[in-house]
Amino acid sequence: MFIVSLILFVGGMLLFGLSFSTAVPALVFALGILLVAASLALPFHFGTR
């Protein structure tokens, strides 16, 4: 689960950076926010106590 969350987090940060050089920056930026949010939510949702 850690590896998946790390990949989603790094991918989201990459999209944050790429959003300023794309044709639709708002869409790419929003997708980056969703990926970072998913990377933080997955361990809390699927984690064991």
N, C-alpha and C. Protein backbone atom coordinates (compact mmCIF):
# COMPACT_ATOMS: atom_id res chain seq x y z
N MET A 1 0.83 -1.19 0.00
CA MET A 1 0.00 0.00 0.00
C MET A 1 0.88 1.25 0.00
N PHE A 2 2.01 1.16 0.69
CA PHE A 2 2.90 2.31 0.73
C PHE A 2 3.44 2.66 -0.65
N ILE A 3 3.78 1.66 -1.41
CA ILE A 3 4.33 1.90 -2.75
C ILE A 3 3.29 2.54 -3.66
N VAL A 4 2.06 2.06 -3.58
CA VAL A 4 0.99 2.64 -4.41
C VAL A 4 0.75 4.10 -4.02
N SER A 5 0.71 4.36 -2.72
CA SER A 5 0.50 5.73 -2.26
C SER A 5 1.66 6.63 -2.66
N LEU A 6 2.87 6.12 -2.59
CA LEU A 6 4.03 6.91 -2.99
C LEU A 6 3.99 7.23 -4.48
N ILE A 7 3.61 6.26 -5.30
CA ILE A 7 3.52 6.48 -6.74
C ILE A 7 2.45 7.52 -7.06
N LEU A 8 1.29 7.42 -6.38
CA LEU A 8 0.23 8.40 -6.61
C LEU A 8 0.67 9.79 -6.16
N PHE A 9 1.36 9.88 -5.04
CA PHE A 9 1.81 11.18 -4.54
C PHE A 9 2.82 11.82 -5.49
N VAL A 10 3.79 11.05 -5.91
CA VAL A 10 4.81 11.59 -6.82
C VAL A 10 4.19 11.93 -8.17
N GLY A 11 3.25 11.12 -8.64
CA GLY A 11 2.56 11.42 -9.89
C GLY A 11 1.73 12.69 -9.79
N GLY A 12 1.08 12.89 -8.65
CA GLY A 12 0.33 14.12 -8.44
C GLY A 12 1.21 15.35 -8.42
N MET A 13 2.35 15.23 -7.76
CA MET A 13 3.28 16.36 -7.74
C MET A 13 3.84 16.64 -9.13
N LEU A 14 4.07 15.59 -9.88
CA LEU A 14 4.52 15.77 -11.27
C LEU A 14 3.47 16.50 -12.09
N LEU A 15 2.21 16.15 -11.90
CA LEU A 15 1.14 16.84 -12.63
C LEU A 15 1.02 18.30 -12.19
N PHE A 16 1.27 18.59 -10.91
CA PHE A 16 1.28 19.99 -10.46
C PHE A 16 2.30 20.78 -11.27
N GLY A 17 3.49 20.22 -11.43
CA GLY A 17 4.54 20.90 -12.17
C GLY A 17 4.26 21.01 -13.66
N LEU A 18 3.68 19.98 -14.22
CA LEU A 18 3.40 19.97 -15.66
C LEU A 18 2.19 20.82 -16.03
N SER A 19 1.37 21.15 -15.06
CA SER A 19 0.13 21.86 -15.38
C SER A 19 0.37 23.25 -15.96
N PHE A 20 1.51 23.84 -15.67
CA PHE A 20 1.79 25.18 -16.17
C PHE A 20 2.29 25.19 -17.61
N SER A 21 2.55 24.01 -18.16
CA SER A 21 3.05 23.96 -19.54
C SER A 21 2.13 23.14 -20.46
N THR A 22 0.89 22.96 -20.07
CA THR A 22 -0.04 22.20 -20.90
C THR A 22 -1.10 23.11 -21.48
N ALA A 23 -1.90 22.57 -22.38
CA ALA A 23 -2.94 23.36 -23.04
C ALA A 23 -4.13 23.61 -22.11
N VAL A 24 -4.39 22.68 -21.21
CA VAL A 24 -5.51 22.83 -20.26
C VAL A 24 -4.95 22.73 -18.83
N PRO A 25 -4.37 23.81 -18.33
CA PRO A 25 -3.69 23.74 -17.03
C PRO A 25 -4.64 23.47 -15.86
N ALA A 26 -5.87 23.96 -15.92
CA ALA A 26 -6.78 23.75 -14.79
C ALA A 26 -7.15 22.28 -14.65
N LEU A 27 -7.35 21.60 -15.75
CA LEU A 27 -7.70 20.18 -15.71
C LEU A 27 -6.54 19.34 -15.18
N VAL A 28 -5.34 19.61 -15.64
CA VAL A 28 -4.16 18.86 -15.19
C VAL A 28 -3.88 19.15 -13.72
N PHE A 29 -4.05 20.40 -13.30
CA PHE A 29 -3.83 20.77 -11.91
C PHE A 29 -4.86 20.07 -11.01
N ALA A 30 -6.12 20.04 -11.43
CA ALA A 30 -7.16 19.37 -10.65
C ALA A 30 -6.89 17.87 -10.56
N LEU A 31 -6.41 17.28 -11.63
CA LEU A 31 -6.06 15.86 -11.60
C LEU A 31 -4.91 15.61 -10.63
N GLY A 32 -3.95 16.53 -10.59
CA GLY A 32 -2.85 16.41 -9.62
C GLY A 32 -3.36 16.48 -8.20
N ILE A 33 -4.31 17.36 -7.93
CA ILE A 33 -4.89 17.46 -6.59
C ILE A 33 -5.60 16.17 -6.23
N LEU A 34 -6.35 15.60 -7.18
CA LEU A 34 -7.05 14.35 -6.91
C LEU A 34 -6.09 13.19 -6.64
N LEU A 35 -4.98 13.15 -7.35
CA LEU A 35 -4.01 12.08 -7.12
C LEU A 35 -3.36 12.21 -5.76
N VAL A 36 -3.01 13.42 -5.36
CA VAL A 36 -2.40 13.62 -4.04
C VAL A 36 -3.41 13.29 -2.95
N ALA A 37 -4.66 13.69 -3.13
CA ALA A 37 -5.69 13.37 -2.14
C ALA A 37 -5.89 11.86 -2.04
N ALA A 38 -5.88 11.17 -3.17
CA ALA A 38 -6.03 9.72 -3.14
C ALA A 38 -4.84 9.05 -2.47
N SER A 39 -3.64 9.59 -2.69
CA SER A 39 -2.46 9.00 -2.07
C SER A 39 -2.49 9.16 -0.55
N LEU A 40 -3.13 10.20 -0.06
CA LEU A 40 -3.24 10.37 1.39
C LEU A 40 -4.43 9.59 1.96
N ALA A 41 -5.47 9.39 1.19
CA ALA A 41 -6.67 8.72 1.68
C ALA A 41 -6.54 7.19 1.68
N LEU A 42 -5.80 6.64 0.75
CA LEU A 42 -5.71 5.18 0.65
C LEU A 42 -5.15 4.51 1.90
N PRO A 43 -4.06 4.97 2.47
CA PRO A 43 -3.56 4.30 3.69
C PRO A 43 -4.53 4.40 4.86
N PHE A 44 -5.25 5.51 4.98
CA PHE A 44 -6.21 5.64 6.06
C PHE A 44 -7.41 4.72 5.85
N HIS A 45 -7.81 4.55 4.61
CA HIS A 45 -8.98 3.74 4.31
C HIS A 45 -8.69 2.24 4.42
N PHE A 46 -7.57 1.81 3.88
CA PHE A 46 -7.25 0.39 3.83
C PHE A 46 -6.29 -0.06 4.91
N GLY A 47 -5.82 0.86 5.73
CA GLY A 47 -4.87 0.51 6.78
C GLY A 47 -5.51 -0.33 7.87
N THR A 48 -4.68 -1.14 8.51
CA THR A 48 -5.17 -1.95 9.63
C THR A 48 -4.89 -1.23 10.93
N ARG A 49 -5.67 -1.56 11.91
CA ARG A 49 -5.50 -0.89 13.20
C ARG A 49 -4.54 -1.61 14.08
